[in-house]
Amino acid sequence: MSNVSVSSARSGLTRRQRNALWTSLRMLVCLPFVLLIMVPLLYTFMMSVLPADELYYRLWPSHFDFTSYLLVFTKTKIPRHIINSFVVAGSVTILQMITCSMAAFSFSFLNFKGRNVVFMCILATMMVPWEATIISNYLTVAKWNWLDTYHVLILPYGCSAMGIFLMRQHYLTFAKELHEAARLDGCNNWRFLATIVVPLSRPALGALGAYIFLQQWNNYLWPLLVTSTDNVRTVQIGVASMYDIDSEQINLMMSAVIICLVPSLSIFVFMQKNLINGLMAGAVKG
């Protein structure tokens, strides 16, 4: 204790001042990276509000023109694509939160023969890239006449190894005595999962839900392959279809990109704490 006091006296800084100085230095180091990340977003926004006659030779508009944003909602199919993306991403998120929670519960609280082997096999599927199975998946859903429907965009993503792993790691932090006490009181597994485990796992479920929603919102290849009409196509396909060599359409496409980014940025900004807490909840067992 005396050594700490002597070193503090020699440095002339209190602990609070040293912490503030260290925080300022970290922010100063991170600032260039923040600017590097923000430059493409700022450029996209500036391109979206540039008047048509100022494209390609001005970076800062003489006046902000938001007409392109109005045209996105009135002259394009983007509103329909946004609705489709919310339907698909929301449905997949709810479905995976249910299926991954139940599967993780089985691997955490239930003892059955071959439990660890089955779990390792599920984890092994994470090493197989989605692109390696996309052709076989397409032929399967085409044979079932699922093409250009909502369920071809939702059901193939009904469960994921990542979600099972994340929820299992969180469930392992629960005391085994909690499950044993519930069984002694006559609580079956379904009731224990629904009334005890799930309410206590809200941070992990929130992190899983945000991760799945962002993944599905930004999904591009599979919706492009299995859809052919605007009735079910998602917003990523809609934005890509707006690309045109005509310079008059560039600001319209950039406006659609900004609109498409709003849900993703909103989830990251407002759920950042839940994402971090949920992902760290199962990092330490005990």
Foldseek 3Di string as FASTA:
>chain_A
DVVVVVVCVVVVDDPVRVVVVVVVVVCVVCVVVVVVVCVVVLQLQQLLQAPLVCPPPDSHHPDGHNVLLVCLVVVALLVLQAVLLCVQLVLLLVLALVVLLVLLCCLAQNDDPCSVVVLVVQVVVVVPDPVVCLVVLLVVCVVVVNFAHSCSSRVVSSYHNVSNVLNNLLSLQDDNVVVVVCVVVVHDPVRCSVPPVVVVQVLLSLLSSLVSSVCSLCDDDSLVVRHDDSNNHHNNVRLVVQDDPPSSSSSSSSSSVVVSCVVNVVCCVVCVVSNVCNNCSSVDHD
